[in-house]
N, C-alpha and C. Protein backbone atom coordinates (compact mmCIF):
# COMPACT_ATOMS: atom_id res chain seq x y z
N MET A 1 -18.84 17.64 -1.85
CA MET A 1 -17.78 17.85 -2.83
C MET A 1 -17.60 16.57 -3.64
N ASN A 2 -17.46 16.70 -4.95
CA ASN A 2 -17.18 15.54 -5.79
C ASN A 2 -15.70 15.21 -5.70
N THR A 3 -15.42 13.91 -5.57
CA THR A 3 -14.04 13.42 -5.47
C THR A 3 -13.89 12.23 -6.40
N PRO A 4 -12.66 11.78 -6.64
CA PRO A 4 -12.48 10.57 -7.46
C PRO A 4 -13.07 9.32 -6.80
N TRP A 5 -13.39 9.42 -5.50
CA TRP A 5 -13.86 8.27 -4.73
C TRP A 5 -15.34 8.35 -4.42
N GLY A 6 -16.03 9.30 -5.04
CA GLY A 6 -17.45 9.50 -4.80
C GLY A 6 -17.71 10.84 -4.11
N ARG A 7 -18.93 11.06 -3.74
CA ARG A 7 -19.30 12.32 -3.08
C ARG A 7 -18.79 12.30 -1.64
N SER A 8 -18.14 13.39 -1.23
CA SER A 8 -17.56 13.44 0.11
C SER A 8 -18.63 13.56 1.18
N ASP A 9 -18.36 12.92 2.33
CA ASP A 9 -19.22 13.11 3.49
C ASP A 9 -18.42 13.72 4.65
N HIS A 10 -17.14 13.97 4.41
CA HIS A 10 -16.28 14.60 5.42
C HIS A 10 -15.15 15.35 4.71
N ILE A 11 -14.90 16.57 5.14
CA ILE A 11 -13.79 17.36 4.59
C ILE A 11 -13.05 18.00 5.75
N GLU A 12 -11.74 17.81 5.77
CA GLU A 12 -10.89 18.51 6.74
C GLU A 12 -9.97 19.43 5.96
N ARG A 13 -10.17 20.72 6.09
CA ARG A 13 -9.37 21.70 5.36
C ARG A 13 -8.12 22.04 6.17
N PHE A 14 -6.96 21.90 5.53
CA PHE A 14 -5.70 22.25 6.18
C PHE A 14 -5.34 23.70 5.93
N GLU A 15 -5.69 24.17 4.76
CA GLU A 15 -5.59 25.58 4.39
C GLU A 15 -6.36 25.74 3.10
N VAL A 16 -6.54 26.93 2.64
CA VAL A 16 -7.29 27.15 1.41
C VAL A 16 -6.67 26.32 0.28
N GLY A 17 -7.49 25.49 -0.33
CA GLY A 17 -7.05 24.70 -1.48
C GLY A 17 -6.42 23.35 -1.15
N ILE A 18 -6.27 23.03 0.14
CA ILE A 18 -5.69 21.73 0.53
C ILE A 18 -6.61 21.10 1.57
N GLN A 19 -7.16 19.93 1.23
CA GLN A 19 -8.05 19.25 2.16
C GLN A 19 -7.96 17.74 2.04
N GLN A 20 -8.28 17.10 3.16
CA GLN A 20 -8.44 15.65 3.23
C GLN A 20 -9.93 15.41 3.13
N VAL A 21 -10.34 14.53 2.21
CA VAL A 21 -11.76 14.26 2.04
C VAL A 21 -12.03 12.79 2.33
N GLY A 22 -13.22 12.51 2.80
CA GLY A 22 -13.66 11.15 3.02
C GLY A 22 -14.99 10.92 2.34
N THR A 23 -15.19 9.70 1.88
CA THR A 23 -16.47 9.29 1.31
C THR A 23 -16.90 8.06 2.09
N PRO A 24 -18.09 7.56 1.87
CA PRO A 24 -18.49 6.34 2.60
C PRO A 24 -17.55 5.16 2.35
N SER A 25 -16.81 5.16 1.23
CA SER A 25 -15.96 4.01 0.95
C SER A 25 -14.46 4.30 0.89
N HIS A 26 -14.06 5.54 0.69
CA HIS A 26 -12.63 5.83 0.53
C HIS A 26 -12.41 7.32 0.72
N GLY A 27 -11.25 7.80 0.31
CA GLY A 27 -10.97 9.22 0.43
C GLY A 27 -9.54 9.52 0.03
N GLY A 28 -9.12 10.75 0.33
CA GLY A 28 -7.76 11.11 -0.01
C GLY A 28 -7.49 12.58 0.17
N LEU A 29 -6.32 12.97 -0.28
CA LEU A 29 -5.85 14.35 -0.20
C LEU A 29 -6.15 15.02 -1.53
N MET A 30 -6.77 16.21 -1.47
CA MET A 30 -7.09 16.96 -2.68
C MET A 30 -6.48 18.35 -2.56
N ILE A 31 -5.77 18.75 -3.60
CA ILE A 31 -5.13 20.06 -3.63
C ILE A 31 -5.54 20.76 -4.91
N SER A 32 -5.97 22.02 -4.77
CA SER A 32 -6.41 22.76 -5.95
C SER A 32 -5.29 22.82 -6.98
N ARG A 33 -5.68 22.90 -8.23
CA ARG A 33 -4.72 22.89 -9.33
C ARG A 33 -3.68 24.00 -9.16
N THR A 34 -4.11 25.21 -8.91
CA THR A 34 -3.16 26.32 -8.82
C THR A 34 -2.20 26.15 -7.66
N LYS A 35 -2.70 25.70 -6.52
CA LYS A 35 -1.84 25.51 -5.35
C LYS A 35 -0.88 24.35 -5.58
N ALA A 36 -1.38 23.24 -6.11
CA ALA A 36 -0.54 22.06 -6.35
C ALA A 36 0.58 22.40 -7.33
N GLU A 37 0.24 23.09 -8.40
CA GLU A 37 1.25 23.41 -9.41
C GLU A 37 2.29 24.40 -8.88
N ARG A 38 1.93 25.16 -7.86
CA ARG A 38 2.89 26.10 -7.25
C ARG A 38 3.76 25.40 -6.20
N LEU A 39 3.21 24.41 -5.47
CA LEU A 39 3.90 23.84 -4.32
C LEU A 39 4.59 22.50 -4.57
N LEU A 40 4.15 21.77 -5.58
CA LEU A 40 4.62 20.39 -5.76
C LEU A 40 5.43 20.23 -7.03
N PRO A 41 6.41 19.31 -7.00
CA PRO A 41 7.19 19.06 -8.21
C PRO A 41 6.38 18.29 -9.25
N GLU A 42 6.81 18.38 -10.47
CA GLU A 42 6.12 17.72 -11.59
C GLU A 42 5.92 16.21 -11.35
N PRO A 43 6.91 15.47 -10.82
CA PRO A 43 6.67 14.03 -10.60
C PRO A 43 5.49 13.76 -9.67
N ALA A 44 5.27 14.62 -8.68
CA ALA A 44 4.12 14.44 -7.77
C ALA A 44 2.81 14.70 -8.51
N LEU A 45 2.81 15.70 -9.36
CA LEU A 45 1.60 16.01 -10.13
C LEU A 45 1.25 14.89 -11.10
N ARG A 46 2.25 14.30 -11.72
CA ARG A 46 2.01 13.21 -12.67
C ARG A 46 1.38 11.99 -12.01
N ARG A 47 1.62 11.81 -10.72
CA ARG A 47 1.11 10.64 -10.02
C ARG A 47 -0.26 10.87 -9.39
N ALA A 48 -0.84 12.03 -9.61
CA ALA A 48 -2.14 12.36 -9.04
C ALA A 48 -3.26 12.01 -10.00
N GLU A 49 -4.43 11.74 -9.44
CA GLU A 49 -5.65 11.69 -10.23
C GLU A 49 -6.14 13.13 -10.37
N ARG A 50 -6.93 13.39 -11.37
CA ARG A 50 -7.52 14.73 -11.53
C ARG A 50 -9.02 14.62 -11.34
N CYS A 51 -9.56 15.61 -10.65
CA CYS A 51 -11.00 15.67 -10.44
C CYS A 51 -11.38 17.13 -10.38
N GLY A 52 -12.09 17.58 -11.39
CA GLY A 52 -12.44 19.00 -11.46
C GLY A 52 -11.17 19.83 -11.47
N GLY A 53 -11.08 20.80 -10.61
CA GLY A 53 -9.90 21.65 -10.53
C GLY A 53 -8.90 21.20 -9.49
N TYR A 54 -8.85 19.88 -9.19
CA TYR A 54 -7.99 19.36 -8.13
C TYR A 54 -7.07 18.25 -8.61
N TYR A 55 -5.91 18.19 -7.97
CA TYR A 55 -5.04 17.03 -8.02
C TYR A 55 -5.38 16.21 -6.79
N CYS A 56 -5.44 14.88 -6.94
CA CYS A 56 -5.93 14.02 -5.85
C CYS A 56 -5.02 12.81 -5.66
N TRP A 57 -4.76 12.47 -4.40
CA TRP A 57 -3.95 11.31 -4.03
C TRP A 57 -4.76 10.52 -3.01
N GLU A 58 -5.00 9.23 -3.28
CA GLU A 58 -5.85 8.43 -2.40
C GLU A 58 -5.22 8.27 -1.02
N GLU A 59 -6.06 7.91 -0.04
CA GLU A 59 -5.68 7.97 1.37
C GLU A 59 -4.81 6.82 1.87
N ASP A 60 -4.74 5.70 1.17
CA ASP A 60 -3.99 4.57 1.71
C ASP A 60 -2.48 4.80 1.68
N CYS A 61 -1.94 5.16 0.53
CA CYS A 61 -0.49 5.36 0.45
C CYS A 61 -0.08 6.46 -0.51
N ASP A 62 -0.95 6.86 -1.43
CA ASP A 62 -0.57 7.89 -2.40
C ASP A 62 -0.46 9.28 -1.79
N TRP A 63 -1.23 9.55 -0.73
CA TRP A 63 -1.21 10.85 -0.05
C TRP A 63 0.21 11.30 0.28
N ALA A 64 1.09 10.34 0.62
CA ALA A 64 2.45 10.68 1.05
C ALA A 64 3.26 11.34 -0.06
N ILE A 65 2.89 11.08 -1.32
CA ILE A 65 3.59 11.72 -2.44
C ILE A 65 3.46 13.24 -2.33
N ALA A 66 2.26 13.72 -2.11
CA ALA A 66 2.05 15.17 -2.01
C ALA A 66 2.50 15.70 -0.65
N MET A 67 2.12 15.02 0.42
CA MET A 67 2.40 15.53 1.76
C MET A 67 3.90 15.61 2.04
N TRP A 68 4.71 14.79 1.40
CA TRP A 68 6.17 14.83 1.55
C TRP A 68 6.70 16.25 1.33
N HIS A 69 6.07 16.97 0.43
CA HIS A 69 6.53 18.29 0.03
C HIS A 69 5.85 19.44 0.79
N LEU A 70 5.06 19.10 1.80
CA LEU A 70 4.31 20.12 2.53
C LEU A 70 4.60 20.06 4.04
N PRO A 71 5.85 20.19 4.45
CA PRO A 71 6.20 20.03 5.87
C PRO A 71 5.46 20.98 6.81
N ARG A 72 5.05 22.11 6.32
CA ARG A 72 4.32 23.05 7.18
C ARG A 72 2.97 22.48 7.64
N LEU A 73 2.48 21.46 6.93
CA LEU A 73 1.19 20.86 7.28
C LEU A 73 1.32 19.56 8.08
N TRP A 74 2.54 19.07 8.27
CA TRP A 74 2.72 17.76 8.89
C TRP A 74 2.10 17.69 10.28
N GLU A 75 2.33 18.68 11.11
CA GLU A 75 1.82 18.62 12.48
C GLU A 75 0.30 18.49 12.48
N ARG A 76 -0.35 19.26 11.68
CA ARG A 76 -1.82 19.21 11.61
C ARG A 76 -2.29 17.91 10.95
N TYR A 77 -1.63 17.50 9.87
CA TYR A 77 -2.03 16.30 9.14
C TYR A 77 -1.92 15.06 10.03
N PHE A 78 -0.87 14.98 10.84
CA PHE A 78 -0.62 13.80 11.67
C PHE A 78 -1.14 13.95 13.10
N ALA A 79 -1.90 14.99 13.38
CA ALA A 79 -2.36 15.26 14.75
C ALA A 79 -3.10 14.07 15.37
N HIS A 80 -3.80 13.29 14.58
CA HIS A 80 -4.57 12.17 15.12
C HIS A 80 -3.93 10.83 14.82
N GLY A 81 -2.70 10.83 14.31
CA GLY A 81 -2.01 9.59 13.98
C GLY A 81 -1.30 9.00 15.18
N SER A 82 -0.58 7.92 14.95
CA SER A 82 0.18 7.28 16.01
C SER A 82 1.29 8.22 16.50
N GLU A 83 1.87 7.89 17.63
CA GLU A 83 2.95 8.72 18.16
C GLU A 83 4.11 8.79 17.18
N TYR A 84 4.40 7.68 16.49
CA TYR A 84 5.49 7.67 15.51
C TYR A 84 5.22 8.68 14.39
N CYS A 85 3.98 8.72 13.91
CA CYS A 85 3.61 9.70 12.87
C CYS A 85 3.86 11.11 13.37
N ARG A 86 3.46 11.38 14.60
CA ARG A 86 3.58 12.74 15.14
C ARG A 86 5.02 13.12 15.44
N THR A 87 5.83 12.19 15.95
CA THR A 87 7.20 12.54 16.34
C THR A 87 8.18 12.46 15.19
N ASP A 88 7.90 11.62 14.18
CA ASP A 88 8.82 11.50 13.05
C ASP A 88 8.02 11.39 11.74
N PRO A 89 7.30 12.45 11.37
CA PRO A 89 6.48 12.34 10.16
C PRO A 89 7.30 12.06 8.91
N ARG A 90 8.50 12.62 8.82
CA ARG A 90 9.34 12.37 7.64
C ARG A 90 9.70 10.89 7.57
N GLY A 91 10.10 10.30 8.70
CA GLY A 91 10.44 8.87 8.73
C GLY A 91 9.24 8.00 8.40
N TYR A 92 8.08 8.38 8.92
CA TYR A 92 6.86 7.63 8.63
C TYR A 92 6.56 7.67 7.13
N MET A 93 6.59 8.87 6.55
CA MET A 93 6.29 8.99 5.12
C MET A 93 7.35 8.31 4.27
N LEU A 94 8.62 8.36 4.69
CA LEU A 94 9.67 7.66 3.95
C LEU A 94 9.36 6.17 3.90
N GLY A 95 8.87 5.61 5.02
CA GLY A 95 8.49 4.20 5.03
C GLY A 95 7.35 3.91 4.07
N VAL A 96 6.32 4.74 4.10
CA VAL A 96 5.17 4.56 3.19
C VAL A 96 5.62 4.66 1.74
N LEU A 97 6.37 5.69 1.43
CA LEU A 97 6.83 5.88 0.05
C LEU A 97 7.78 4.78 -0.38
N SER A 98 8.62 4.31 0.52
CA SER A 98 9.56 3.23 0.17
C SER A 98 8.81 1.95 -0.15
N ARG A 99 7.74 1.65 0.59
CA ARG A 99 6.97 0.43 0.35
C ARG A 99 6.12 0.50 -0.91
N TYR A 100 5.56 1.67 -1.20
CA TYR A 100 4.58 1.76 -2.28
C TYR A 100 5.00 2.60 -3.48
N HIS A 101 5.99 3.47 -3.30
CA HIS A 101 6.37 4.38 -4.38
C HIS A 101 7.88 4.60 -4.43
N THR A 102 8.63 3.51 -4.37
CA THR A 102 10.09 3.62 -4.46
C THR A 102 10.51 4.35 -5.72
N ASP A 103 9.81 4.09 -6.82
CA ASP A 103 10.14 4.76 -8.08
C ASP A 103 10.02 6.28 -7.95
N TYR A 104 9.04 6.75 -7.17
CA TYR A 104 8.89 8.18 -6.96
C TYR A 104 10.07 8.74 -6.17
N LEU A 105 10.44 8.07 -5.08
CA LEU A 105 11.58 8.53 -4.29
C LEU A 105 12.83 8.61 -5.16
N GLN A 106 13.05 7.59 -5.96
CA GLN A 106 14.23 7.59 -6.84
C GLN A 106 14.17 8.75 -7.82
N GLU A 107 12.99 9.04 -8.35
CA GLU A 107 12.85 10.12 -9.31
C GLU A 107 13.16 11.49 -8.69
N ILE A 108 12.81 11.66 -7.41
CA ILE A 108 13.08 12.95 -6.77
C ILE A 108 14.41 12.95 -6.01
N GLY A 109 15.19 11.87 -6.15
CA GLY A 109 16.53 11.82 -5.57
C GLY A 109 16.59 11.52 -4.08
N VAL A 110 15.61 10.78 -3.57
CA VAL A 110 15.59 10.40 -2.15
C VAL A 110 15.82 8.90 -2.04
N GLU A 111 16.73 8.51 -1.16
CA GLU A 111 17.05 7.10 -0.93
C GLU A 111 15.93 6.43 -0.14
N PRO A 112 15.33 5.35 -0.67
CA PRO A 112 14.28 4.65 0.09
C PRO A 112 14.88 3.93 1.30
N ASP A 113 14.04 3.68 2.30
CA ASP A 113 14.54 2.92 3.45
C ASP A 113 14.63 1.45 3.05
N PRO A 114 15.64 0.73 3.58
CA PRO A 114 15.90 -0.66 3.15
C PRO A 114 14.72 -1.60 3.35
N GLU A 115 14.03 -1.51 4.47
CA GLU A 115 12.90 -2.40 4.72
C GLU A 115 11.77 -2.14 3.73
N GLY A 116 11.46 -0.88 3.50
CA GLY A 116 10.42 -0.54 2.54
C GLY A 116 10.80 -0.95 1.13
N LEU A 117 12.07 -0.77 0.78
CA LEU A 117 12.55 -1.17 -0.54
C LEU A 117 12.40 -2.68 -0.73
N ALA A 118 12.69 -3.45 0.32
CA ALA A 118 12.53 -4.91 0.23
C ALA A 118 11.07 -5.27 -0.03
N GLN A 119 10.14 -4.58 0.63
CA GLN A 119 8.72 -4.85 0.40
C GLN A 119 8.29 -4.44 -1.00
N TRP A 120 8.82 -3.32 -1.48
CA TRP A 120 8.54 -2.86 -2.85
C TRP A 120 8.99 -3.92 -3.85
N ASN A 121 10.20 -4.41 -3.67
CA ASN A 121 10.73 -5.42 -4.59
C ASN A 121 9.93 -6.72 -4.50
N ALA A 122 9.52 -7.11 -3.29
CA ALA A 122 8.71 -8.33 -3.14
C ALA A 122 7.35 -8.16 -3.81
N ARG A 123 6.76 -6.98 -3.69
CA ARG A 123 5.46 -6.72 -4.33
C ARG A 123 5.59 -6.80 -5.85
N ARG A 124 6.68 -6.26 -6.39
CA ARG A 124 6.90 -6.33 -7.84
C ARG A 124 7.11 -7.78 -8.27
N ALA A 125 7.87 -8.55 -7.49
CA ALA A 125 8.09 -9.96 -7.81
C ALA A 125 6.77 -10.72 -7.76
N SER A 126 5.93 -10.41 -6.78
CA SER A 126 4.63 -11.05 -6.68
C SER A 126 3.77 -10.77 -7.92
N SER A 127 3.78 -9.53 -8.37
CA SER A 127 3.02 -9.18 -9.58
C SER A 127 3.53 -9.95 -10.80
N ARG A 128 4.84 -10.02 -10.94
CA ARG A 128 5.42 -10.78 -12.07
C ARG A 128 5.02 -12.25 -11.99
N MET A 129 5.14 -12.83 -10.80
CA MET A 129 4.80 -14.25 -10.63
C MET A 129 3.32 -14.50 -10.90
N ARG A 130 2.47 -13.58 -10.52
CA ARG A 130 1.04 -13.70 -10.79
C ARG A 130 0.78 -13.72 -12.30
N GLN A 131 1.41 -12.78 -13.01
CA GLN A 131 1.25 -12.71 -14.46
C GLN A 131 1.76 -13.98 -15.13
N GLU A 132 2.84 -14.54 -14.60
CA GLU A 132 3.43 -15.76 -15.17
C GLU A 132 2.70 -17.03 -14.74
N ARG A 133 1.70 -16.87 -13.84
CA ARG A 133 0.99 -18.01 -13.26
C ARG A 133 1.97 -18.99 -12.64
N HIS A 134 2.88 -18.46 -11.85
CA HIS A 134 3.96 -19.23 -11.23
C HIS A 134 3.40 -20.23 -10.21
N PRO A 135 3.83 -21.49 -10.28
CA PRO A 135 3.28 -22.52 -9.40
C PRO A 135 3.73 -22.40 -7.93
N ASP A 136 4.65 -21.51 -7.62
CA ASP A 136 5.11 -21.38 -6.23
C ASP A 136 4.41 -20.24 -5.49
N LEU A 137 3.75 -19.34 -6.19
CA LEU A 137 3.13 -18.19 -5.55
C LEU A 137 1.72 -18.53 -5.06
N ILE A 138 1.49 -18.40 -3.76
CA ILE A 138 0.16 -18.61 -3.19
C ILE A 138 -0.62 -17.31 -3.38
N VAL A 139 -1.78 -17.43 -4.03
CA VAL A 139 -2.60 -16.24 -4.30
C VAL A 139 -3.88 -16.22 -3.47
N ALA A 140 -4.21 -17.33 -2.84
CA ALA A 140 -5.43 -17.37 -2.02
C ALA A 140 -5.32 -18.51 -1.01
N ALA A 141 -5.96 -18.30 0.13
CA ALA A 141 -6.10 -19.35 1.14
C ALA A 141 -7.56 -19.38 1.52
N ARG A 142 -8.13 -20.58 1.59
CA ARG A 142 -9.58 -20.64 1.76
C ARG A 142 -10.04 -20.99 3.16
N ARG A 143 -9.54 -22.01 3.74
CA ARG A 143 -10.03 -22.40 5.07
C ARG A 143 -9.06 -23.37 5.70
N SER A 144 -9.25 -23.58 6.97
CA SER A 144 -8.41 -24.58 7.63
C SER A 144 -9.30 -25.53 8.43
N TRP A 145 -8.80 -26.71 8.67
CA TRP A 145 -9.50 -27.70 9.46
C TRP A 145 -8.49 -28.70 9.99
N HIS A 146 -8.93 -29.57 10.89
CA HIS A 146 -8.07 -30.61 11.46
C HIS A 146 -8.17 -31.87 10.62
N THR A 147 -7.02 -32.48 10.37
CA THR A 147 -6.99 -33.78 9.71
C THR A 147 -5.73 -34.49 10.16
N ASN A 148 -5.86 -35.73 10.57
CA ASN A 148 -4.71 -36.52 11.03
C ASN A 148 -3.87 -35.76 12.06
N ASP A 149 -4.52 -35.15 13.02
CA ASP A 149 -3.86 -34.41 14.09
C ASP A 149 -3.09 -33.19 13.62
N ALA A 150 -3.35 -32.71 12.42
CA ALA A 150 -2.68 -31.49 11.93
C ALA A 150 -3.73 -30.50 11.46
N LYS A 151 -3.47 -29.22 11.69
CA LYS A 151 -4.34 -28.19 11.12
C LYS A 151 -3.86 -27.95 9.70
N VAL A 152 -4.81 -27.95 8.76
CA VAL A 152 -4.48 -27.86 7.34
C VAL A 152 -5.19 -26.66 6.73
N VAL A 153 -4.52 -25.97 5.80
CA VAL A 153 -5.08 -24.84 5.08
C VAL A 153 -5.11 -25.17 3.59
N GLU A 154 -6.21 -24.84 2.94
CA GLU A 154 -6.29 -24.95 1.48
C GLU A 154 -5.67 -23.68 0.90
N VAL A 155 -4.71 -23.83 0.00
CA VAL A 155 -4.13 -22.68 -0.68
C VAL A 155 -4.22 -22.90 -2.18
N ILE A 156 -4.31 -21.81 -2.90
CA ILE A 156 -4.34 -21.86 -4.36
C ILE A 156 -3.14 -21.09 -4.86
N THR A 157 -2.41 -21.68 -5.78
CA THR A 157 -1.25 -21.03 -6.36
C THR A 157 -1.63 -20.32 -7.65
N ALA A 158 -0.74 -19.47 -8.13
CA ALA A 158 -1.02 -18.64 -9.31
C ALA A 158 -1.33 -19.46 -10.56
N ASP A 159 -0.92 -20.72 -10.57
CA ASP A 159 -1.24 -21.58 -11.72
C ASP A 159 -2.62 -22.23 -11.58
N GLY A 160 -3.35 -21.87 -10.53
CA GLY A 160 -4.71 -22.35 -10.36
C GLY A 160 -4.85 -23.67 -9.63
N LEU A 161 -3.77 -24.24 -9.12
CA LEU A 161 -3.85 -25.53 -8.44
C LEU A 161 -4.14 -25.35 -6.95
N LEU A 162 -4.88 -26.31 -6.40
CA LEU A 162 -5.21 -26.34 -4.98
C LEU A 162 -4.22 -27.25 -4.27
N HIS A 163 -3.73 -26.79 -3.12
CA HIS A 163 -2.79 -27.55 -2.31
C HIS A 163 -3.26 -27.50 -0.86
N LEU A 164 -2.91 -28.52 -0.11
CA LEU A 164 -3.15 -28.52 1.32
C LEU A 164 -1.80 -28.40 2.01
N VAL A 165 -1.68 -27.44 2.92
CA VAL A 165 -0.44 -27.22 3.66
C VAL A 165 -0.77 -27.11 5.13
N THR A 166 0.22 -27.35 5.97
CA THR A 166 -0.03 -27.21 7.40
C THR A 166 -0.29 -25.74 7.72
N GLU A 167 -1.20 -25.52 8.65
CA GLU A 167 -1.58 -24.16 9.02
C GLU A 167 -0.38 -23.39 9.57
N ASP A 168 0.40 -24.02 10.44
CA ASP A 168 1.56 -23.33 11.02
C ASP A 168 2.54 -22.88 9.93
N SER A 169 2.83 -23.77 8.99
CA SER A 169 3.81 -23.41 7.96
C SER A 169 3.26 -22.30 7.05
N TYR A 170 1.96 -22.33 6.79
CA TYR A 170 1.36 -21.28 5.96
C TYR A 170 1.48 -19.92 6.64
N HIS A 171 1.13 -19.86 7.92
CA HIS A 171 1.19 -18.58 8.63
C HIS A 171 2.62 -18.08 8.75
N ARG A 172 3.57 -18.97 8.94
CA ARG A 172 4.98 -18.59 9.01
C ARG A 172 5.46 -18.06 7.65
N ALA A 173 5.09 -18.75 6.57
CA ALA A 173 5.48 -18.32 5.22
C ALA A 173 4.88 -16.96 4.89
N ARG A 174 3.65 -16.74 5.32
CA ARG A 174 2.98 -15.47 5.09
C ARG A 174 3.68 -14.34 5.84
N LYS A 175 3.97 -14.60 7.10
CA LYS A 175 4.61 -13.58 7.94
C LYS A 175 6.02 -13.28 7.43
N ASP A 176 6.79 -14.30 7.13
CA ASP A 176 8.19 -14.12 6.73
C ASP A 176 8.34 -13.55 5.33
N GLY A 177 7.39 -13.82 4.44
CA GLY A 177 7.58 -13.45 3.05
C GLY A 177 6.73 -12.33 2.52
N TRP A 178 5.81 -11.82 3.35
CA TRP A 178 4.85 -10.83 2.85
C TRP A 178 5.55 -9.78 2.01
N PRO A 179 5.01 -9.45 0.82
CA PRO A 179 3.77 -9.93 0.22
C PRO A 179 3.94 -11.16 -0.66
N LEU A 180 5.07 -11.84 -0.55
CA LEU A 180 5.30 -13.07 -1.31
C LEU A 180 5.08 -14.27 -0.39
N THR A 181 3.97 -14.95 -0.54
CA THR A 181 3.75 -16.17 0.22
C THR A 181 3.98 -17.32 -0.75
N LEU A 182 5.02 -18.11 -0.48
CA LEU A 182 5.44 -19.14 -1.42
C LEU A 182 5.10 -20.53 -0.91
N LEU A 183 4.61 -21.36 -1.82
CA LEU A 183 4.30 -22.76 -1.50
C LEU A 183 5.54 -23.49 -1.03
N SER A 184 6.68 -23.18 -1.62
CA SER A 184 7.93 -23.86 -1.25
C SER A 184 8.35 -23.58 0.19
N LYS A 185 7.76 -22.59 0.83
CA LYS A 185 8.06 -22.27 2.23
C LYS A 185 7.09 -22.96 3.18
N CYS A 186 6.13 -23.71 2.63
CA CYS A 186 5.11 -24.38 3.43
C CYS A 186 5.37 -25.89 3.47
N VAL A 187 4.80 -26.52 4.47
CA VAL A 187 4.84 -27.99 4.56
C VAL A 187 3.62 -28.51 3.81
N LEU A 188 3.88 -29.17 2.70
CA LEU A 188 2.82 -29.66 1.82
C LEU A 188 2.22 -30.95 2.38
N VAL A 189 0.89 -31.00 2.46
CA VAL A 189 0.20 -32.19 2.91
C VAL A 189 -0.32 -32.96 1.69
N ALA A 190 -0.87 -32.22 0.70
CA ALA A 190 -1.40 -32.86 -0.51
C ALA A 190 -1.61 -31.80 -1.59
N THR A 191 -1.64 -32.27 -2.84
CA THR A 191 -1.96 -31.41 -3.97
C THR A 191 -3.15 -32.02 -4.69
N ASP A 192 -4.10 -31.20 -5.06
CA ASP A 192 -5.31 -31.69 -5.72
C ASP A 192 -5.10 -31.76 -7.21
């Protein structure tokens, strides 16, 4: 089957016109045009890719847009997922949608979960800071090594500058701020 992600090598059909497809590199949920237009609201359709006679949502986080509206398929869709997915599929999808598609939840009148909303806002701030080439946003980390009894990590900020920070402070800043890792949250050893 042709998909937006290449030729499928795996298809799991949930019912006629609704399937999960996989390719060697990616995959997603595909719903026939007629079925999708009958079962899903317009905002969900607008957020889909089109491929042939299908609406398509990629497998990482977009799938939840369509699956949110198909509760009759949740048990089968989540059959191989974690226990949390199986016991609380609505809560699981609310988390996914809150982190990646808060705007969609707001459009359909659903309150995002606070933790997911915080990640959504941080991701948007990170994108803005990247575009602005902000000197506080770490966009890459290259390697670590020992120097003067400290483990040091090379980091590059959005303005293109290289900095050396302690490894512990970098990992703490990453964990505490994800997806915003800020230089100001690290212990600076040197700037190149």
